[in-house]
Amino acid sequence: MVFGADKLPEIARGLGKGMRTLKDATNDIKHEITKTAEKNGLDTSITKDVKKELNKVKDDIEDFTGSVKRKF
């Protein structure tokens, strides 16, 4: 698909808004799961460990994509 230069800002805004909505929904779900687990006395420490590992992977990906972006 080819878009004109006048449509690109509109498309970018739409994508940004969609990504923000998805992120907010994901955060709401994680919060509800954690709250319910704590209320029922379940161990939530594993979620912290998983989050740390995900952040490490995210940082690695950002480091890699940053070097690729700089080459362009």
PDB file of N, CA and C in Angstrom:
ATOM      1  N   MET A   1       0.847  -1.180   0.000  1.00  0.00           N
ATOM      2  CA  MET A   1       0.000   0.000   0.000  1.00  0.00           C
ATOM      3  C   MET A   1       0.888   1.238   0.000  1.00  0.00           C
ATOM      4  N   VAL A   2       0.423   2.232  -0.667  1.00  0.00           N
ATOM      5  CA  VAL A   2       1.158   3.485  -0.722  1.00  0.00           C
ATOM      6  C   VAL A   2       0.248   4.577  -0.185  1.00  0.00           C
ATOM      7  N   PHE A   3       0.811   5.368   0.721  1.00  0.00           N
ATOM      8  CA  PHE A   3       0.063   6.471   1.304  1.00  0.00           C
ATOM      9  C   PHE A   3       0.757   7.772   0.939  1.00  0.00           C
ATOM     10  N   GLY A   4      -0.025   8.798   0.761  1.00  0.00           N
ATOM     11  CA  GLY A   4       0.553  10.104   0.489  1.00  0.00           C
ATOM     12  C   GLY A   4       1.114  10.704   1.764  1.00  0.00           C
ATOM     13  N   ALA A   5       1.968  11.690   1.582  1.00  0.00           N
ATOM     14  CA  ALA A   5       2.601  12.351   2.728  1.00  0.00           C
ATOM     15  C   ALA A   5       1.572  13.009   3.640  1.00  0.00           C
ATOM     16  N   ASP A   6       0.453  13.419   3.098  1.00  0.00           N
ATOM     17  CA  ASP A   6      -0.569  14.064   3.920  1.00  0.00           C
ATOM     18  C   ASP A   6      -1.286  13.069   4.835  1.00  0.00           C
ATOM     19  N   LYS A   7      -1.256  11.779   4.512  1.00  0.00           N
ATOM     20  CA  LYS A   7      -1.930  10.758   5.324  1.00  0.00           C
ATOM     21  C   LYS A   7      -1.032  10.149   6.403  1.00  0.00           C
ATOM     22  N   LEU A   8       0.275  10.269   6.261  1.00  0.00           N
ATOM     23  CA  LEU A   8       1.193   9.642   7.207  1.00  0.00           C
ATOM     24  C   LEU A   8       1.004  10.104   8.651  1.00  0.00           C
ATOM     25  N   PRO A   9       0.862  11.403   8.934  1.00  0.00           N
ATOM     26  CA  PRO A   9       0.636  11.801  10.332  1.00  0.00           C
ATOM     27  C   PRO A   9      -0.644  11.219  10.918  1.00  0.00           C
ATOM     28  N   GLU A  10      -1.671  11.131  10.111  1.00  0.00           N
ATOM     29  CA  GLU A  10      -2.944  10.575  10.570  1.00  0.00           C
ATOM     30  C   GLU A  10      -2.795   9.075  10.874  1.00  0.00           C
ATOM     31  N   ILE A  11      -2.088   8.380  10.030  1.00  0.00           N
ATOM     32  CA  ILE A  11      -1.848   6.951  10.241  1.00  0.00           C
ATOM     33  C   ILE A  11      -1.004   6.742  11.494  1.00  0.00           C
ATOM     34  N   ALA A  12       0.036   7.550  11.667  1.00  0.00           N
ATOM     35  CA  ALA A  12       0.909   7.434  12.844  1.00  0.00           C
ATOM     36  C   ALA A  12       0.127   7.695  14.126  1.00  0.00           C
ATOM     37  N   ARG A  13      -0.742   8.698  14.107  1.00  0.00           N
ATOM     38  CA  ARG A  13      -1.568   8.979  15.285  1.00  0.00           C
ATOM     39  C   ARG A  13      -2.475   7.805  15.604  1.00  0.00           C
ATOM     40  N   GLY A  14      -3.074   7.231  14.593  1.00  0.00           N
ATOM     41  CA  GLY A  14      -3.956   6.081  14.798  1.00  0.00           C
ATOM     42  C   GLY A  14      -3.205   4.891  15.375  1.00  0.00           C
ATOM     43  N   LEU A  15      -2.020   4.630  14.855  1.00  0.00           N
ATOM     44  CA  LEU A  15      -1.211   3.528  15.378  1.00  0.00           C
ATOM     45  C   LEU A  15      -0.789   3.800  16.820  1.00  0.00           C
ATOM     46  N   GLY A  16      -0.384   5.021  17.091  1.00  0.00           N
ATOM     47  CA  GLY A  16       0.017   5.387  18.449  1.00  0.00           C
ATOM     48  C   GLY A  16      -1.128   5.234  19.435  1.00  0.00           C
ATOM     49  N   LYS A  17      -2.296   5.680  19.026  1.00  0.00           N
ATOM     50  CA  LYS A  17      -3.474   5.574  19.893  1.00  0.00           C
ATOM     51  C   LYS A  17      -3.831   4.115  20.145  1.00  0.00           C
ATOM     52  N   GLY A  18      -3.745   3.304  19.097  1.00  0.00           N
ATOM     53  CA  GLY A  18      -4.039   1.881  19.252  1.00  0.00           C
ATOM     54  C   GLY A  18      -3.042   1.191  20.170  1.00  0.00           C
ATOM     55  N   MET A  19      -1.771   1.533  20.031  1.00  0.00           N
ATOM     56  CA  MET A  19      -0.743   0.945  20.888  1.00  0.00           C
ATOM     57  C   MET A  19      -0.949   1.364  22.335  1.00  0.00           C
ATOM     58  N   ARG A  20      -1.309   2.616  22.548  1.00  0.00           N
ATOM     59  CA  ARG A  20      -1.547   3.106  23.911  1.00  0.00           C
ATOM     60  C   ARG A  20      -2.754   2.392  24.536  1.00  0.00           C
ATOM     61  N   THR A  21      -3.803   2.205  23.770  1.00  0.00           N
ATOM     62  CA  THR A  21      -4.987   1.505  24.261  1.00  0.00           C
ATOM     63  C   THR A  21      -4.637   0.070  24.637  1.00  0.00           C
ATOM     64  N   LEU A  22      -3.855  -0.591  23.797  1.00  0.00           N
ATOM     65  CA  LEU A  22      -3.442  -1.962  24.077  1.00  0.00           C
ATOM     66  C   LEU A  22      -2.582  -2.024  25.340  1.00  0.00           C
ATOM     67  N   LYS A  23      -1.666  -1.086  25.488  1.00  0.00           N
ATOM     68  CA  LYS A  23      -0.804  -1.055  26.676  1.00  0.00           C
ATOM     69  C   LYS A  23      -1.630  -0.827  27.938  1.00  0.00           C
ATOM     70  N   ASP A  24      -2.570   0.106  27.885  1.00  0.00           N
ATOM     71  CA  ASP A  24      -3.425   0.372  29.048  1.00  0.00           C
ATOM     72  C   ASP A  24      -4.258  -0.856  29.418  1.00  0.00           C
ATOM     73  N   ALA A  25      -4.806  -1.532  28.417  1.00  0.00           N
ATOM     74  CA  ALA A  25      -5.609  -2.720  28.680  1.00  0.00           C
ATOM     75  C   ALA A  25      -4.755  -3.824  29.295  1.00  0.00           C
ATOM     76  N   THR A  26      -3.540  -3.988  28.794  1.00  0.00           N
ATOM     77  CA  THR A  26      -2.628  -4.993  29.339  1.00  0.00           C
ATOM     78  C   THR A  26      -2.287  -4.683  30.786  1.00  0.00           C
ATOM     79  N   ASN A  27      -2.007  -3.426  31.079  1.00  0.00           N
ATOM     80  CA  ASN A  27      -1.699  -3.032  32.455  1.00  0.00           C
ATOM     81  C   ASN A  27      -2.885  -3.262  33.383  1.00  0.00           C
ATOM     82  N   ASP A  28      -4.087  -2.980  32.908  1.00  0.00           N
ATOM     83  CA  ASP A  28      -5.290  -3.211  33.714  1.00  0.00           C
ATOM     84  C   ASP A  28      -5.460  -4.699  34.025  1.00  0.00           C
ATOM     85  N   ILE A  29      -5.232  -5.527  33.027  1.00  0.00           N
ATOM     86  CA  ILE A  29      -5.364  -6.977  33.233  1.00  0.00           C
ATOM     87  C   ILE A  29      -4.325  -7.467  34.235  1.00  0.00           C
ATOM     88  N   LYS A  30      -3.075  -7.036  34.069  1.00  0.00           N
ATOM     89  CA  LYS A  30      -2.021  -7.453  35.003  1.00  0.00           C
ATOM     90  C   LYS A  30      -2.342  -7.003  36.423  1.00  0.00           C
ATOM     91  N   HIS A  31      -2.854  -5.784  36.559  1.00  0.00           N
ATOM     92  CA  HIS A  31      -3.200  -5.264  37.884  1.00  0.00           C
ATOM     93  C   HIS A  31      -4.305  -6.091  38.524  1.00  0.00           C
ATOM     94  N   GLU A  32      -5.323  -6.433  37.759  1.00  0.00           N
ATOM     95  CA  GLU A  32      -6.432  -7.225  38.288  1.00  0.00           C
ATOM     96  C   GLU A  32      -5.979  -8.629  38.695  1.00  0.00           C
ATOM     97  N   ILE A  33      -5.127  -9.237  37.882  1.00  0.00           N
ATOM     98  CA  ILE A  33      -4.632 -10.575  38.213  1.00  0.00           C
ATOM     99  C   ILE A  33      -3.811 -10.528  39.495  1.00  0.00           C
ATOM    100  N   THR A  34      -2.924  -9.543  39.599  1.00  0.00           N
ATOM    101  CA  THR A  34      -2.090  -9.412  40.791  1.00  0.00           C
ATOM    102  C   THR A  34      -2.938  -9.144  42.027  1.00  0.00           C
ATOM    103  N   LYS A  35      -3.917  -8.257  41.897  1.00  0.00           N
ATOM    104  CA  LYS A  35      -4.785  -7.929  43.029  1.00  0.00           C
ATOM    105  C   LYS A  35      -5.578  -9.147  43.492  1.00  0.00           C
ATOM    106  N   THR A  36      -6.114  -9.908  42.547  1.00  0.00           N
ATOM    107  CA  THR A  36      -6.883 -11.101  42.887  1.00  0.00           C
ATOM    108  C   THR A  36      -5.990 -12.162  43.531  1.00  0.00           C
ATOM    109  N   ALA A  37      -4.784 -12.328  42.991  1.00  0.00           N
ATOM    110  CA  ALA A  37      -3.855 -13.315  43.554  1.00  0.00           C
ATOM    111  C   ALA A  37      -3.486 -12.943  44.986  1.00  0.00           C
ATOM    112  N   GLU A  38      -3.202 -11.679  45.223  1.00  0.00           N
ATOM    113  CA  GLU A  38      -2.855 -11.241  46.583  1.00  0.00           C
ATOM    114  C   GLU A  38      -4.026 -11.409  47.531  1.00  0.00           C
ATOM    115  N   LYS A  39      -5.227 -11.120  47.048  1.00  0.00           N
ATOM    116  CA  LYS A  39      -6.428 -11.252  47.877  1.00  0.00           C
ATOM    117  C   LYS A  39      -6.657 -12.699  48.288  1.00  0.00           C
ATOM    118  N   ASN A  40      -6.313 -13.625  47.396  1.00  0.00           N
ATOM    119  CA  ASN A  40      -6.513 -15.050  47.667  1.00  0.00           C
ATOM    120  C   ASN A  40      -5.293 -15.707  48.286  1.00  0.00           C
ATOM    121  N   GLY A  41      -4.289 -14.919  48.643  1.00  0.00           N
ATOM    122  CA  GLY A  41      -3.118 -15.446  49.317  1.00  0.00           C
ATOM    123  C   GLY A  41      -2.153 -16.205  48.433  1.00  0.00           C
ATOM    124  N   LEU A  42      -2.196 -15.956  47.135  1.00  0.00           N
ATOM    125  CA  LEU A  42      -1.279 -16.627  46.221  1.00  0.00           C
ATOM    126  C   LEU A  42       0.045 -15.878  46.152  1.00  0.00           C
ATOM    127  N   ASP A  43       1.112 -16.602  45.889  1.00  0.00           N
ATOM    128  CA  ASP A  43       2.441 -16.012  45.802  1.00  0.00           C
ATOM    129  C   ASP A  43       2.566 -15.232  44.492  1.00  0.00           C
ATOM    130  N   THR A  44       2.805 -13.949  44.583  1.00  0.00           N
ATOM    131  CA  THR A  44       2.923 -13.114  43.390  1.00  0.00           C
ATOM    132  C   THR A  44       4.369 -12.762  43.076  1.00  0.00           C
ATOM    133  N   SER A  45       5.314 -13.345  43.820  1.00  0.00           N
ATOM    134  CA  SER A  45       6.715 -13.015  43.571  1.00  0.00           C
ATOM    135  C   SER A  45       7.173 -13.484  42.194  1.00  0.00           C
ATOM    136  N   ILE A  46       6.534 -14.520  41.665  1.00  0.00           N
ATOM    137  CA  ILE A  46       6.932 -15.006  40.345  1.00  0.00           C
ATOM    138  C   ILE A  46       6.653 -13.963  39.271  1.00  0.00           C
ATOM    139  N   THR A  47       5.621 -13.164  39.455  1.00  0.00           N
ATOM    140  CA  THR A  47       5.320 -12.137  38.460  1.00  0.00           C
ATOM    141  C   THR A  47       6.432 -11.098  38.415  1.00  0.00           C
ATOM    142  N   LYS A  48       7.021 -10.803  39.550  1.00  0.00           N
ATOM    143  CA  LYS A  48       8.136  -9.855  39.578  1.00  0.00           C
ATOM    144  C   LYS A  48       9.340 -10.419  38.843  1.00  0.00           C
ATOM    145  N   ASP A  49       9.606 -11.712  39.038  1.00  0.00           N
ATOM    146  CA  ASP A  49      10.725 -12.357  38.349  1.00  0.00           C
ATOM    147  C   ASP A  49      10.506 -12.372  36.840  1.00  0.00           C
ATOM    148  N   VAL A  50       9.292 -12.686  36.432  1.00  0.00           N
ATOM    149  CA  VAL A  50       8.970 -12.709  35.008  1.00  0.00           C
ATOM    150  C   VAL A  50       9.112 -11.316  34.415  1.00  0.00           C
ATOM    151  N   LYS A  51       8.650 -10.322  35.145  1.00  0.00           N
ATOM    152  CA  LYS A  51       8.740  -8.949  34.657  1.00  0.00           C
ATOM    153  C   LYS A  51      10.200  -8.529  34.488  1.00  0.00           C
ATOM    154  N   LYS A  52      11.058  -8.908  35.421  1.00  0.00           N
ATOM    155  CA  LYS A  52      12.485  -8.581  35.306  1.00  0.00           C
ATOM    156  C   LYS A  52      13.079  -9.202  34.051  1.00  0.00           C
ATOM    157  N   GLU A  53      12.756 -10.462  33.806  1.00  0.00           N
ATOM    158  CA  GLU A  53      13.283 -11.148  32.622  1.00  0.00           C
ATOM    159  C   GLU A  53      12.758 -10.517  31.335  1.00  0.00           C
ATOM    160  N   LEU A  54      11.480 -10.154  31.322  1.00  0.00           N
ATOM    161  CA  LEU A  54      10.915  -9.500  30.141  1.00  0.00           C
ATOM    162  C   LEU A  54      11.585  -8.158  29.887  1.00  0.00           C
ATOM    163  N   ASN A  55      11.872  -7.427  30.952  1.00  0.00           N
ATOM    164  CA  ASN A  55      12.556  -6.146  30.788  1.00  0.00           C
ATOM    165  C   ASN A  55      13.959  -6.329  30.236  1.00  0.00           C
ATOM    166  N   LYS A  56      14.649  -7.396  30.659  1.00  0.00           N
ATOM    167  CA  LYS A  56      15.979  -7.674  30.121  1.00  0.00           C
ATOM    168  C   LYS A  56      15.899  -7.942  28.617  1.00  0.00           C
ATOM    169  N   VAL A  57      14.929  -8.754  28.212  1.00  0.00           N
ATOM    170  CA  VAL A  57      14.760  -9.066  26.788  1.00  0.00           C
ATOM    171  C   VAL A  57      14.414  -7.803  26.016  1.00  0.00           C
ATOM    172  N   LYS A  58      13.544  -6.991  26.581  1.00  0.00           N
ATOM    173  CA  LYS A  58      13.153  -5.738  25.929  1.00  0.00           C
ATOM    174  C   LYS A  58      14.363  -4.838  25.739  1.00  0.00           C
ATOM    175  N   ASP A  59      15.195  -4.724  26.762  1.00  0.00           N
ATOM    176  CA  ASP A  59      16.401  -3.902  26.661  1.00  0.00           C
ATOM    177  C   ASP A  59      17.346  -4.433  25.587  1.00  0.00           C
ATOM    178  N   ASP A  60      17.500  -5.754  25.531  1.00  0.00           N
ATOM    179  CA  ASP A  60      18.353  -6.360  24.510  1.00  0.00           C
ATOM    180  C   ASP A  60      17.834  -6.058  23.110  1.00  0.00           C
ATOM    181  N   ILE A  61      16.525  -6.153  22.932  1.00  0.00           N
ATOM    182  CA  ILE A  61      15.926  -5.875  21.625  1.00  0.00           C
ATOM    183  C   ILE A  61      16.105  -4.408  21.271  1.00  0.00           C
ATOM    184  N   GLU A  62      15.915  -3.517  22.225  1.00  0.00           N
ATOM    185  CA  GLU A  62      16.087  -2.095  21.957  1.00  0.00           C
ATOM    186  C   GLU A  62      17.534  -1.776  21.618  1.00  0.00           C
ATOM    187  N   ASP A  63      18.486  -2.442  22.284  1.00  0.00           N
ATOM    188  CA  ASP A  63      19.896  -2.248  21.953  1.00  0.00           C
ATOM    189  C   ASP A  63      20.173  -2.681  20.522  1.00  0.00           C
ATOM    190  N   PHE A  64      19.622  -3.819  20.130  1.00  0.00           N
ATOM    191  CA  PHE A  64      19.833  -4.330  18.780  1.00  0.00           C
ATOM    192  C   PHE A  64      19.176  -3.436  17.740  1.00  0.00           C
ATOM    193  N   THR A  65      17.914  -3.081  17.955  1.00  0.00           N
ATOM    194  CA  THR A  65      17.207  -2.269  16.962  1.00  0.00           C
ATOM    195  C   THR A  65      17.790  -0.874  16.894  1.00  0.00           C
ATOM    196  N   GLY A  66      18.328  -0.381  18.012  1.00  0.00           N
ATOM    197  CA  GLY A  66      18.965   0.928  17.989  1.00  0.00           C
ATOM    198  C   GLY A  66      20.160   0.946  17.061  1.00  0.00           C
ATOM    199  N   SER A  67      20.965  -0.120  17.091  1.00  0.00           N
ATOM    200  CA  SER A  67      22.121  -0.180  16.205  1.00  0.00           C
ATOM    201  C   SER A  67      21.681  -0.323  14.750  1.00  0.00           C
ATOM    202  N   VAL A  68      20.595  -1.033  14.516  1.00  0.00           N
ATOM    203  CA  VAL A  68      20.084  -1.185  13.144  1.00  0.00           C
ATOM    204  C   VAL A  68      19.557   0.151  12.658  1.00  0.00           C
ATOM    205  N   LYS A  69      18.824   0.862  13.492  1.00  0.00           N
ATOM    206  CA  LYS A  69      18.281   2.160  13.098  1.00  0.00           C
ATOM    207  C   LYS A  69      19.388   3.144  12.768  1.00  0.00           C
ATOM    208  N   ARG A  70      20.469   3.114  13.543  1.00  0.00           N
ATOM    209  CA  ARG A  70      21.576   4.041  13.291  1.00  0.00           C
ATOM    210  C   ARG A  70      22.239   3.781  11.946  1.00  0.00           C
ATOM    211  N   LYS A  71      22.231   2.521  11.495  1.00  0.00           N
ATOM    212  CA  LYS A  71      22.855   2.183  10.228  1.00  0.00           C
ATOM    213  C   LYS A  71      22.066   2.747   9.054  1.00  0.00           C
ATOM    214  N   PHE A  72      20.769   2.932   9.237  1.00  0.00           N
ATOM    215  CA  PHE A  72      19.946   3.489   8.161  1.00  0.00           C
ATOM    216  C   PHE A  72      20.050   4.978   8.209  1.00  0.00           C
TER     217      PHE A  72
END
